[in-house]
Amino acid sequence: MATNRTFTMLKPDSLEKGNTGAILEKINAAGFKIIALKQTRMTTSDAQAFYEVHKERPFFGELVTYMTRGPIVAAILEKENAVEDFRTLIGATNPEEAAEGTIRRSFATSLSENAVHGSDSDENAAIEGGFHFSGRDIF
């Protein structure tokens, strides 16, 4: 059953470039309600656990290093058809392949520094949101 929530993380490159406000503005303009939000920094063990699904891939070490090099902004978003609509809003993982107007097309610089994470399923949205937020943090 589809839910109306998804999870996102603005990655370290977004914060380093000062794009946090502009990205959150795009999210709001697309009709998403932010029901949980925080700026935090992932530890190495946090990043390894969060991206465990990729642990056998050759880019895993670089991904962990990237995600721990600076703060991130984590958020749970709410909207009808949240996961699919947010995946459309962020665009393809490779910003060169992302549609005009998408977050990655506008703010990402490469396949490896792609500005933002978005859950790929309702199940993963619940897992990823629970990784960063307790029930009392969600409004």
N, C-alpha and C. Protein backbone atom coordinates (compact mmCIF):
# COMPACT_ATOMS: atom_id res chain seq x y z
N MET A 1 0.84 -1.18 0.00
CA MET A 1 0.00 0.00 0.00
C MET A 1 0.89 1.25 0.00
N ALA A 2 0.61 2.16 -0.87
CA ALA A 2 1.39 3.39 -0.98
C ALA A 2 1.12 4.30 0.22
N THR A 3 2.15 4.98 0.64
CA THR A 3 1.99 5.95 1.72
C THR A 3 2.14 7.35 1.14
N ASN A 4 1.92 8.32 1.97
CA ASN A 4 2.04 9.70 1.55
C ASN A 4 3.27 10.37 2.13
N ARG A 5 4.27 9.56 2.51
CA ARG A 5 5.49 10.10 3.08
C ARG A 5 6.71 9.58 2.34
N THR A 6 7.72 10.43 2.30
CA THR A 6 9.00 10.02 1.75
C THR A 6 10.10 10.66 2.59
N PHE A 7 11.31 10.21 2.35
CA PHE A 7 12.47 10.72 3.08
C PHE A 7 13.43 11.34 2.10
N THR A 8 14.09 12.41 2.53
CA THR A 8 15.14 13.02 1.73
C THR A 8 16.30 13.45 2.61
N MET A 9 17.45 13.53 2.00
CA MET A 9 18.64 14.10 2.63
C MET A 9 19.27 15.06 1.65
N LEU A 10 19.51 16.27 2.09
CA LEU A 10 20.33 17.19 1.32
C LEU A 10 21.77 16.83 1.69
N LYS A 11 22.54 16.48 0.71
CA LYS A 11 23.88 15.93 0.92
C LYS A 11 24.91 17.04 1.19
N PRO A 12 26.10 16.63 1.68
CA PRO A 12 27.10 17.64 2.06
C PRO A 12 27.40 18.69 0.99
N ASP A 13 27.42 18.31 -0.28
CA ASP A 13 27.72 19.29 -1.32
C ASP A 13 26.65 20.38 -1.39
N SER A 14 25.40 20.03 -1.12
CA SER A 14 24.33 21.03 -1.13
C SER A 14 24.55 22.07 -0.04
N LEU A 15 24.94 21.61 1.14
CA LEU A 15 25.17 22.54 2.25
C LEU A 15 26.43 23.35 2.02
N GLU A 16 27.48 22.72 1.51
CA GLU A 16 28.74 23.42 1.25
C GLU A 16 28.55 24.57 0.26
N LYS A 17 27.66 24.39 -0.70
CA LYS A 17 27.44 25.41 -1.73
C LYS A 17 26.36 26.42 -1.35
N GLY A 18 25.79 26.24 -0.16
CA GLY A 18 24.77 27.18 0.30
C GLY A 18 23.42 27.01 -0.38
N ASN A 19 23.11 25.80 -0.84
CA ASN A 19 21.88 25.57 -1.58
C ASN A 19 20.72 25.05 -0.74
N THR A 20 20.89 24.96 0.56
CA THR A 20 19.86 24.38 1.42
C THR A 20 18.52 25.10 1.24
N GLY A 21 18.52 26.40 1.39
CA GLY A 21 17.28 27.17 1.29
C GLY A 21 16.61 27.03 -0.07
N ALA A 22 17.39 27.10 -1.12
CA ALA A 22 16.83 27.01 -2.48
C ALA A 22 16.22 25.62 -2.73
N ILE A 23 16.87 24.58 -2.23
CA ILE A 23 16.33 23.23 -2.41
C ILE A 23 15.05 23.06 -1.60
N LEU A 24 15.05 23.51 -0.35
CA LEU A 24 13.84 23.41 0.47
C LEU A 24 12.71 24.22 -0.15
N GLU A 25 13.03 25.33 -0.76
CA GLU A 25 12.02 26.15 -1.45
C GLU A 25 11.38 25.37 -2.60
N LYS A 26 12.21 24.66 -3.39
CA LYS A 26 11.69 23.84 -4.49
C LYS A 26 10.77 22.73 -3.96
N ILE A 27 11.17 22.14 -2.84
CA ILE A 27 10.37 21.08 -2.23
C ILE A 27 9.02 21.63 -1.80
N ASN A 28 9.02 22.78 -1.15
CA ASN A 28 7.76 23.41 -0.74
C ASN A 28 6.91 23.80 -1.93
N ALA A 29 7.54 24.37 -2.94
CA ALA A 29 6.80 24.82 -4.13
C ALA A 29 6.15 23.65 -4.87
N ALA A 30 6.72 22.45 -4.71
CA ALA A 30 6.17 21.27 -5.37
C ALA A 30 5.03 20.65 -4.55
N GLY A 31 4.66 21.29 -3.45
CA GLY A 31 3.52 20.84 -2.67
C GLY A 31 3.81 19.88 -1.54
N PHE A 32 5.08 19.66 -1.24
CA PHE A 32 5.43 18.78 -0.13
C PHE A 32 5.35 19.55 1.19
N LYS A 33 4.84 18.89 2.21
CA LYS A 33 4.83 19.44 3.56
C LYS A 33 5.99 18.79 4.31
N ILE A 34 6.83 19.59 4.94
CA ILE A 34 7.95 19.07 5.72
C ILE A 34 7.42 18.75 7.11
N ILE A 35 7.43 17.45 7.48
CA ILE A 35 6.89 17.05 8.78
C ILE A 35 7.99 16.68 9.77
N ALA A 36 9.23 16.62 9.31
CA ALA A 36 10.39 16.43 10.19
C ALA A 36 11.59 17.01 9.45
N LEU A 37 12.46 17.71 10.18
CA LEU A 37 13.60 18.37 9.55
C LEU A 37 14.70 18.56 10.57
N LYS A 38 15.93 18.23 10.17
CA LYS A 38 17.08 18.53 11.04
C LYS A 38 18.36 18.54 10.23
N GLN A 39 19.27 19.36 10.72
CA GLN A 39 20.63 19.36 10.19
C GLN A 39 21.46 18.52 11.16
N THR A 40 22.26 17.62 10.62
CA THR A 40 23.07 16.73 11.43
C THR A 40 24.30 16.33 10.65
N ARG A 41 25.15 15.58 11.27
CA ARG A 41 26.33 15.07 10.58
C ARG A 41 26.39 13.58 10.79
N MET A 42 26.52 12.84 9.70
CA MET A 42 26.59 11.39 9.79
C MET A 42 28.00 10.96 10.18
N THR A 43 28.09 10.01 11.10
CA THR A 43 29.37 9.41 11.42
C THR A 43 29.67 8.36 10.36
N THR A 44 30.88 7.85 10.37
CA THR A 44 31.23 6.77 9.43
C THR A 44 30.31 5.58 9.63
N SER A 45 30.08 5.19 10.87
CA SER A 45 29.20 4.04 11.11
C SER A 45 27.75 4.34 10.68
N ASP A 46 27.29 5.59 10.86
CA ASP A 46 25.96 5.98 10.37
C ASP A 46 25.86 5.79 8.86
N ALA A 47 26.83 6.33 8.15
CA ALA A 47 26.80 6.26 6.68
C ALA A 47 26.91 4.82 6.20
N GLN A 48 27.76 4.02 6.84
CA GLN A 48 27.88 2.62 6.46
C GLN A 48 26.57 1.88 6.67
N ALA A 49 25.89 2.16 7.78
CA ALA A 49 24.61 1.51 8.05
C ALA A 49 23.52 1.99 7.09
N PHE A 50 23.46 3.30 6.86
CA PHE A 50 22.43 3.86 5.99
C PHE A 50 22.55 3.32 4.57
N TYR A 51 23.78 3.22 4.08
CA TYR A 51 24.02 2.78 2.70
C TYR A 51 24.45 1.31 2.62
N GLU A 52 24.10 0.52 3.62
CA GLU A 52 24.50 -0.89 3.67
C GLU A 52 24.12 -1.65 2.40
N VAL A 53 23.03 -1.29 1.79
CA VAL A 53 22.59 -1.94 0.57
C VAL A 53 23.65 -1.86 -0.54
N HIS A 54 24.53 -0.87 -0.46
CA HIS A 54 25.57 -0.67 -1.47
C HIS A 54 26.95 -1.19 -1.04
N LYS A 55 27.04 -1.89 0.09
CA LYS A 55 28.35 -2.23 0.67
C LYS A 55 29.23 -3.08 -0.24
N GLU A 56 28.67 -3.81 -1.16
CA GLU A 56 29.47 -4.65 -2.06
C GLU A 56 29.86 -3.92 -3.35
N ARG A 57 29.36 -2.73 -3.52
CA ARG A 57 29.64 -1.99 -4.76
C ARG A 57 30.98 -1.25 -4.65
N PRO A 58 31.66 -1.06 -5.77
CA PRO A 58 32.99 -0.44 -5.73
C PRO A 58 33.01 1.00 -5.22
N PHE A 59 31.89 1.70 -5.29
CA PHE A 59 31.85 3.10 -4.88
C PHE A 59 31.50 3.28 -3.40
N PHE A 60 31.29 2.20 -2.66
CA PHE A 60 30.82 2.28 -1.27
C PHE A 60 31.73 3.14 -0.39
N GLY A 61 33.02 2.92 -0.44
CA GLY A 61 33.96 3.69 0.39
C GLY A 61 33.91 5.17 0.08
N GLU A 62 33.87 5.51 -1.22
CA GLU A 62 33.78 6.91 -1.62
C GLU A 62 32.46 7.54 -1.16
N LEU A 63 31.38 6.76 -1.23
CA LEU A 63 30.08 7.24 -0.79
C LEU A 63 30.08 7.56 0.70
N VAL A 64 30.66 6.68 1.49
CA VAL A 64 30.74 6.90 2.94
C VAL A 64 31.59 8.14 3.23
N THR A 65 32.72 8.27 2.56
CA THR A 65 33.58 9.44 2.76
C THR A 65 32.84 10.73 2.39
N TYR A 66 32.15 10.72 1.28
CA TYR A 66 31.37 11.87 0.82
C TYR A 66 30.29 12.25 1.82
N MET A 67 29.55 11.28 2.30
CA MET A 67 28.42 11.56 3.18
C MET A 67 28.84 11.97 4.59
N THR A 68 30.10 11.74 4.93
CA THR A 68 30.57 12.11 6.28
C THR A 68 31.48 13.34 6.27
N ARG A 69 31.68 13.94 5.12
CA ARG A 69 32.62 15.06 5.05
C ARG A 69 32.05 16.37 5.58
N GLY A 70 30.76 16.42 5.77
CA GLY A 70 30.12 17.63 6.27
C GLY A 70 28.70 17.34 6.67
N PRO A 71 28.00 18.34 7.18
CA PRO A 71 26.62 18.13 7.62
C PRO A 71 25.67 17.85 6.46
N ILE A 72 24.56 17.23 6.83
CA ILE A 72 23.46 16.97 5.90
C ILE A 72 22.19 17.54 6.51
N VAL A 73 21.15 17.68 5.70
CA VAL A 73 19.83 18.02 6.20
C VAL A 73 18.93 16.84 5.87
N ALA A 74 18.34 16.25 6.91
CA ALA A 74 17.42 15.13 6.75
C ALA A 74 16.00 15.63 6.90
N ALA A 75 15.08 15.07 6.13
CA ALA A 75 13.68 15.51 6.22
C ALA A 75 12.73 14.38 5.83
N ILE A 76 11.59 14.39 6.48
CA ILE A 76 10.48 13.55 6.07
C ILE A 76 9.45 14.48 5.45
N LEU A 77 8.99 14.10 4.28
CA LEU A 77 8.07 14.93 3.50
C LEU A 77 6.74 14.22 3.35
N GLU A 78 5.69 14.99 3.26
CA GLU A 78 4.36 14.43 3.12
C GLU A 78 3.64 15.06 1.92
N LYS A 79 3.01 14.20 1.15
CA LYS A 79 2.23 14.63 -0.01
C LYS A 79 1.60 13.38 -0.59
N GLU A 80 0.48 13.50 -1.22
CA GLU A 80 -0.08 12.34 -1.90
C GLU A 80 0.92 11.85 -2.95
N ASN A 81 1.12 10.54 -3.01
CA ASN A 81 2.06 9.94 -3.97
C ASN A 81 3.49 10.45 -3.74
N ALA A 82 3.87 10.58 -2.49
CA ALA A 82 5.11 11.26 -2.09
C ALA A 82 6.37 10.67 -2.73
N VAL A 83 6.54 9.37 -2.67
CA VAL A 83 7.80 8.78 -3.16
C VAL A 83 7.97 9.05 -4.65
N GLU A 84 6.97 8.71 -5.42
CA GLU A 84 7.08 8.89 -6.87
C GLU A 84 7.20 10.36 -7.26
N ASP A 85 6.40 11.21 -6.65
CA ASP A 85 6.47 12.64 -6.98
C ASP A 85 7.82 13.24 -6.60
N PHE A 86 8.38 12.79 -5.47
CA PHE A 86 9.68 13.34 -5.07
C PHE A 86 10.78 12.85 -5.99
N ARG A 87 10.72 11.59 -6.41
CA ARG A 87 11.72 11.06 -7.35
C ARG A 87 11.67 11.87 -8.65
N THR A 88 10.49 12.25 -9.08
CA THR A 88 10.36 13.09 -10.27
C THR A 88 10.98 14.46 -10.03
N LEU A 89 10.72 15.04 -8.86
CA LEU A 89 11.24 16.36 -8.53
C LEU A 89 12.76 16.39 -8.47
N ILE A 90 13.38 15.33 -7.94
CA ILE A 90 14.84 15.36 -7.82
C ILE A 90 15.53 15.04 -9.13
N GLY A 91 14.92 14.23 -9.99
CA GLY A 91 15.51 13.92 -11.28
C GLY A 91 16.47 12.75 -11.23
N ALA A 92 17.02 12.42 -12.37
CA ALA A 92 17.93 11.29 -12.51
C ALA A 92 19.17 11.47 -11.64
N THR A 93 19.74 10.35 -11.21
CA THR A 93 20.93 10.37 -10.36
C THR A 93 22.06 11.16 -11.01
N ASN A 94 22.24 10.98 -12.30
CA ASN A 94 23.24 11.72 -13.06
C ASN A 94 22.62 13.06 -13.47
N PRO A 95 23.14 14.17 -12.95
CA PRO A 95 22.51 15.47 -13.25
C PRO A 95 22.49 15.81 -14.74
N GLU A 96 23.41 15.25 -15.51
CA GLU A 96 23.41 15.50 -16.96
C GLU A 96 22.21 14.86 -17.64
N GLU A 97 21.65 13.82 -17.02
CA GLU A 97 20.49 13.11 -17.56
C GLU A 97 19.18 13.58 -16.92
N ALA A 98 19.28 14.41 -15.89
CA ALA A 98 18.09 14.88 -15.18
C ALA A 98 17.35 15.92 -16.01
N ALA A 99 16.04 15.91 -15.88
CA ALA A 99 15.20 16.86 -16.62
C ALA A 99 15.43 18.29 -16.13
N GLU A 100 15.23 19.25 -17.02
CA GLU A 100 15.32 20.66 -16.66
C GLU A 100 14.37 20.94 -15.51
N GLY A 101 14.82 21.77 -14.58
CA GLY A 101 13.99 22.17 -13.46
C GLY A 101 14.04 21.23 -12.26
N THR A 102 14.64 20.05 -12.43
CA THR A 102 14.74 19.15 -11.30
C THR A 102 15.84 19.62 -10.34
N ILE A 103 15.78 19.11 -9.12
CA ILE A 103 16.77 19.52 -8.12
C ILE A 103 18.17 19.12 -8.55
N ARG A 104 18.34 17.91 -9.04
CA ARG A 104 19.69 17.48 -9.43
C ARG A 104 20.19 18.24 -10.65
N ARG A 105 19.34 18.53 -11.58
CA ARG A 105 19.75 19.30 -12.75
C ARG A 105 20.20 20.71 -12.33
N SER A 106 19.50 21.25 -11.34
CA SER A 106 19.78 22.61 -10.89
C SER A 106 20.96 22.72 -9.94
N PHE A 107 21.19 21.68 -9.10
CA PHE A 107 22.15 21.83 -8.01
C PHE A 107 23.27 20.79 -7.95
N ALA A 108 23.12 19.67 -8.61
CA ALA A 108 24.16 18.63 -8.56
C ALA A 108 25.25 18.92 -9.57
N THR A 109 26.45 18.42 -9.29
CA THR A 109 27.56 18.65 -10.20
C THR A 109 28.07 17.38 -10.87
N SER A 110 27.72 16.21 -10.33
CA SER A 110 28.20 14.96 -10.91
C SER A 110 27.36 13.80 -10.42
N LEU A 111 27.61 12.64 -10.97
CA LEU A 111 26.93 11.42 -10.56
C LEU A 111 27.21 11.12 -9.09
N SER A 112 28.43 11.36 -8.64
CA SER A 112 28.79 11.05 -7.25
C SER A 112 28.43 12.17 -6.28
N GLU A 113 28.34 13.40 -6.74
CA GLU A 113 27.93 14.52 -5.89
C GLU A 113 26.62 15.07 -6.45
N ASN A 114 25.54 14.33 -6.12
CA ASN A 114 24.27 14.61 -6.78
C ASN A 114 23.25 15.33 -5.90
N ALA A 115 23.73 16.06 -4.91
CA ALA A 115 22.97 17.06 -4.15
C ALA A 115 21.95 16.52 -3.14
N VAL A 116 21.20 15.49 -3.51
CA VAL A 116 20.06 15.09 -2.68
C VAL A 116 19.78 13.60 -2.81
N HIS A 117 19.31 13.03 -1.72
CA HIS A 117 18.85 11.64 -1.71
C HIS A 117 17.33 11.64 -1.64
N GLY A 118 16.72 10.71 -2.31
CA GLY A 118 15.27 10.52 -2.19
C GLY A 118 14.97 9.04 -2.12
N SER A 119 14.12 8.65 -1.20
CA SER A 119 13.76 7.24 -1.06
C SER A 119 13.19 6.70 -2.36
N ASP A 120 13.48 5.42 -2.63
CA ASP A 120 13.03 4.82 -3.89
C ASP A 120 11.78 3.95 -3.74
N SER A 121 11.26 3.81 -2.51
CA SER A 121 10.05 3.03 -2.29
C SER A 121 9.41 3.47 -0.98
N ASP A 122 8.14 3.13 -0.80
CA ASP A 122 7.47 3.44 0.45
C ASP A 122 8.16 2.74 1.62
N GLU A 123 8.54 1.49 1.41
CA GLU A 123 9.21 0.73 2.47
C GLU A 123 10.52 1.41 2.88
N ASN A 124 11.35 1.78 1.90
CA ASN A 124 12.62 2.44 2.20
C ASN A 124 12.41 3.82 2.81
N ALA A 125 11.36 4.52 2.42
CA ALA A 125 11.06 5.82 3.01
C ALA A 125 10.83 5.68 4.52
N ALA A 126 10.08 4.65 4.91
CA ALA A 126 9.82 4.42 6.33
C ALA A 126 11.09 4.04 7.07
N ILE A 127 11.90 3.18 6.47
CA ILE A 127 13.16 2.75 7.09
C ILE A 127 14.11 3.93 7.22
N GLU A 128 14.28 4.68 6.15
CA GLU A 128 15.24 5.80 6.15
C GLU A 128 14.78 6.92 7.07
N GLY A 129 13.49 7.22 7.08
CA GLY A 129 12.98 8.22 8.00
C GLY A 129 13.20 7.80 9.44
N GLY A 130 12.97 6.53 9.73
CA GLY A 130 13.19 6.00 11.08
C GLY A 130 14.65 5.99 11.49
N PHE A 131 15.53 5.95 10.52
CA PHE A 131 16.97 5.99 10.80
C PHE A 131 17.36 7.33 11.40
N HIS A 132 16.75 8.39 10.93
CA HIS A 132 17.12 9.76 11.34
C HIS A 132 16.18 10.40 12.37
N PHE A 133 14.95 9.91 12.47
CA PHE A 133 13.97 10.57 13.33
C PHE A 133 13.24 9.57 14.21
N SER A 134 12.98 9.99 15.45
CA SER A 134 12.10 9.21 16.33
C SER A 134 10.67 9.70 16.10
N GLY A 135 9.73 8.96 16.59
CA GLY A 135 8.32 9.34 16.42
C GLY A 135 8.00 10.71 16.96
N ARG A 136 8.66 11.13 18.03
CA ARG A 136 8.36 12.44 18.62
C ARG A 136 8.94 13.60 17.81
N ASP A 137 9.78 13.29 16.81
CA ASP A 137 10.37 14.32 15.95
C ASP A 137 9.54 14.61 14.71
N ILE A 138 8.48 13.83 14.51
CA ILE A 138 7.69 13.94 13.29
C ILE A 138 6.36 14.61 13.61
N PHE A 139 6.07 15.68 12.86
CA PHE A 139 4.85 16.46 13.14
C PHE A 139 3.93 16.40 11.96
